[in-house]
Amino acid sequence: MPSTKAYLEYVLDQLSGSDGVTYRPMMGEYIIYYRGKVIGGVYDDRFLVKPTKSAEEMMPSAHYELPYDGAKPMLLVEEVDDRQLLKELIEKVYDGLPEPRKKKK
């Protein structure tokens, strides 16, 4: 089941305290970027983030879920209502990810 635009807008509103959050639609779902890095996405109306070490430490009881068949597991963010937690979480996920690769011209 594809994600609804309403749920995406809710997640984006919750993340609105952090500058640099963008998204891109992808096959009925939405990839979430923070300062140019993919930090997670909205899949089947669930907000999932990449399982960096710091994100795992911040949410030790978070469940791993597959965004779609064949994908790597990601961490389910259950406390989407907590803006401060989300702000800290995306910072930690961002810091734990490598720099994006430069595109070839």
C-alpha atoms as a PDB file:
ATOM      1  CA  MET A   1       0.000   0.000   0.000  1.00  0.00           C
ATOM      2  CA  PRO A   2       1.586   3.317  -1.007  1.00  0.00           C
ATOM      3  CA  SER A   3       2.003   6.066   1.557  1.00  0.00           C
ATOM      4  CA  THR A   4      -0.499   8.888   1.696  1.00  0.00           C
ATOM      5  CA  LYS A   5       0.511  12.447   0.945  1.00  0.00           C
ATOM      6  CA  ALA A   6      -1.189  13.434   4.221  1.00  0.00           C
ATOM      7  CA  TYR A   7       1.151  11.234   6.279  1.00  0.00           C
ATOM      8  CA  LEU A   8       4.188  12.573   4.408  1.00  0.00           C
ATOM      9  CA  GLU A   9       3.041  16.139   5.111  1.00  0.00           C
ATOM     10  CA  TYR A  10       2.575  15.267   8.788  1.00  0.00           C
ATOM     11  CA  VAL A  11       6.124  13.867   9.045  1.00  0.00           C
ATOM     12  CA  LEU A  12       7.538  16.869   7.176  1.00  0.00           C
ATOM     13  CA  ASP A  13       5.654  19.214   9.510  1.00  0.00           C
ATOM     14  CA  GLN A  14       7.122  17.384  12.513  1.00  0.00           C
ATOM     15  CA  LEU A  15      10.596  17.798  10.961  1.00  0.00           C
ATOM     16  CA  SER A  16      10.032  21.460  10.090  1.00  0.00           C
ATOM     17  CA  GLY A  17      12.241  22.623  12.979  1.00  0.00           C
ATOM     18  CA  SER A  18      15.279  21.288  11.114  1.00  0.00           C
ATOM     19  CA  ASP A  19      16.557  23.234   8.129  1.00  0.00           C
ATOM     20  CA  GLY A  20      17.549  21.184   5.104  1.00  0.00           C
ATOM     21  CA  VAL A  21      14.821  18.506   5.113  1.00  0.00           C
ATOM     22  CA  THR A  22      13.624  17.614   1.622  1.00  0.00           C
ATOM     23  CA  TYR A  23      11.910  14.639   0.023  1.00  0.00           C
ATOM     24  CA  ARG A  24      11.540  12.896  -3.294  1.00  0.00           C
ATOM     25  CA  PRO A  25       8.666  10.646  -4.376  1.00  0.00           C
ATOM     26  CA  MET A  26       9.740   7.129  -5.336  1.00  0.00           C
ATOM     27  CA  MET A  27       7.246   4.503  -6.563  1.00  0.00           C
ATOM     28  CA  GLY A  28       4.407   5.552  -4.248  1.00  0.00           C
ATOM     29  CA  GLU A  29       6.706   6.153  -1.284  1.00  0.00           C
ATOM     30  CA  TYR A  30       8.886   9.087  -0.221  1.00  0.00           C
ATOM     31  CA  ILE A  31      12.640   9.296   0.353  1.00  0.00           C
ATOM     32  CA  ILE A  32      13.586  11.811   3.082  1.00  0.00           C
ATOM     33  CA  TYR A  33      16.819  13.791   2.772  1.00  0.00           C
ATOM     34  CA  TYR A  34      18.553  15.893   5.364  1.00  0.00           C
ATOM     35  CA  ARG A  35      21.216  18.287   4.088  1.00  0.00           C
ATOM     36  CA  GLY A  36      21.597  16.190   0.949  1.00  0.00           C
ATOM     37  CA  LYS A  37      21.904  12.773   2.620  1.00  0.00           C
ATOM     38  CA  VAL A  38      19.218  10.095   2.546  1.00  0.00           C
ATOM     39  CA  ILE A  39      18.278   9.600   6.187  1.00  0.00           C
ATOM     40  CA  GLY A  40      15.174   7.482   5.683  1.00  0.00           C
ATOM     41  CA  GLY A  41      11.732   7.662   4.215  1.00  0.00           C
ATOM     42  CA  VAL A  42       8.011   7.257   4.477  1.00  0.00           C
ATOM     43  CA  TYR A  43       6.994   3.723   3.487  1.00  0.00           C
ATOM     44  CA  ASP A  44       3.443   2.379   3.882  1.00  0.00           C
ATOM     45  CA  ASP A  45       2.670   5.348   6.154  1.00  0.00           C
ATOM     46  CA  ARG A  46       5.603   4.523   8.452  1.00  0.00           C
ATOM     47  CA  PHE A  47       8.573   6.802   9.094  1.00  0.00           C
ATOM     48  CA  LEU A  48      11.729   4.691   8.859  1.00  0.00           C
ATOM     49  CA  VAL A  49      15.319   5.870   9.306  1.00  0.00           C
ATOM     50  CA  LYS A  50      18.658   4.343   8.452  1.00  0.00           C
ATOM     51  CA  PRO A  51      20.016   2.258  11.334  1.00  0.00           C
ATOM     52  CA  THR A  52      23.167   4.179  12.215  1.00  0.00           C
ATOM     53  CA  LYS A  53      24.879   3.332  15.488  1.00  0.00           C
ATOM     54  CA  SER A  54      23.796   6.589  17.107  1.00  0.00           C
ATOM     55  CA  ALA A  55      20.169   6.131  15.992  1.00  0.00           C
ATOM     56  CA  GLU A  56      20.176   2.622  17.462  1.00  0.00           C
ATOM     57  CA  GLU A  57      21.571   4.020  20.736  1.00  0.00           C
ATOM     58  CA  MET A  58      18.973   6.775  20.786  1.00  0.00           C
ATOM     59  CA  MET A  59      16.086   4.351  20.161  1.00  0.00           C
ATOM     60  CA  PRO A  60      17.252   1.082  21.757  1.00  0.00           C
ATOM     61  CA  SER A  61      13.810  -0.544  21.647  1.00  0.00           C
ATOM     62  CA  ALA A  62      13.012   0.456  18.048  1.00  0.00           C
ATOM     63  CA  HIS A  63      11.873  -2.291  15.719  1.00  0.00           C
ATOM     64  CA  TYR A  64      13.635  -3.064  12.465  1.00  0.00           C
ATOM     65  CA  GLU A  65      11.273  -3.112   9.510  1.00  0.00           C
ATOM     66  CA  LEU A  66      11.662  -3.546   5.778  1.00  0.00           C
ATOM     67  CA  PRO A  67      10.628  -0.500   3.766  1.00  0.00           C
ATOM     68  CA  TYR A  68       9.834  -2.783   0.806  1.00  0.00           C
ATOM     69  CA  ASP A  69      10.629  -6.323  -0.351  1.00  0.00           C
ATOM     70  CA  GLY A  70      14.340  -6.820  -0.942  1.00  0.00           C
ATOM     71  CA  ALA A  71      15.423  -3.709   0.973  1.00  0.00           C
ATOM     72  CA  LYS A  72      17.721  -3.508   3.965  1.00  0.00           C
ATOM     73  CA  PRO A  73      15.980  -3.203   7.340  1.00  0.00           C
ATOM     74  CA  MET A  74      15.474   0.267   8.756  1.00  0.00           C
ATOM     75  CA  LEU A  75      14.457   1.569  12.185  1.00  0.00           C
ATOM     76  CA  LEU A  76      10.783   2.342  12.735  1.00  0.00           C
ATOM     77  CA  VAL A  77      10.239   5.747  14.358  1.00  0.00           C
ATOM     78  CA  GLU A  78       7.190   5.290  16.544  1.00  0.00           C
ATOM     79  CA  GLU A  79       7.367   8.647  18.345  1.00  0.00           C
ATOM     80  CA  VAL A  80       6.666  10.830  15.323  1.00  0.00           C
ATOM     81  CA  ASP A  81       4.725  13.223  17.576  1.00  0.00           C
ATOM     82  CA  ASP A  82       7.904  14.232  19.455  1.00  0.00           C
ATOM     83  CA  ARG A  83       9.457  17.080  17.431  1.00  0.00           C
ATOM     84  CA  GLN A  84      12.520  17.420  19.682  1.00  0.00           C
ATOM     85  CA  LEU A  85      13.273  13.710  19.458  1.00  0.00           C
ATOM     86  CA  LEU A  86      12.953  13.831  15.656  1.00  0.00           C
ATOM     87  CA  LYS A  87      15.274  16.821  15.440  1.00  0.00           C
ATOM     88  CA  GLU A  88      17.936  15.044  17.498  1.00  0.00           C
ATOM     89  CA  LEU A  89      17.367  11.775  15.656  1.00  0.00           C
ATOM     90  CA  ILE A  90      17.862  13.135  12.147  1.00  0.00           C
ATOM     91  CA  GLU A  91      21.005  14.966  13.293  1.00  0.00           C
ATOM     92  CA  LYS A  92      22.416  11.719  14.663  1.00  0.00           C
ATOM     93  CA  VAL A  93      21.452   9.723  11.574  1.00  0.00           C
ATOM     94  CA  TYR A  94      23.013  12.420   9.363  1.00  0.00           C
ATOM     95  CA  ASP A  95      26.251  12.425  11.374  1.00  0.00           C
ATOM     96  CA  GLY A  96      26.488   8.625  11.152  1.00  0.00           C
ATOM     97  CA  LEU A  97      26.206   8.467   7.361  1.00  0.00           C
ATOM     98  CA  PRO A  98      29.020   8.846   4.838  1.00  0.00           C
ATOM     99  CA  GLU A  99      29.132  11.866   2.569  1.00  0.00           C
ATOM    100  CA  PRO A 100      27.091  11.414  -0.628  1.00  0.00           C
ATOM    101  CA  ARG A 101      29.074  10.332  -3.664  1.00  0.00           C
ATOM    102  CA  LYS A 102      29.754  12.924  -6.286  1.00  0.00           C
ATOM    103  CA  LYS A 103      27.803  12.361  -9.500  1.00  0.00           C
ATOM    104  CA  LYS A 104      29.848  11.804 -12.628  1.00  0.00           C
ATOM    105  CA  LYS A 105      29.428  14.422 -15.313  1.00  0.00           C
END
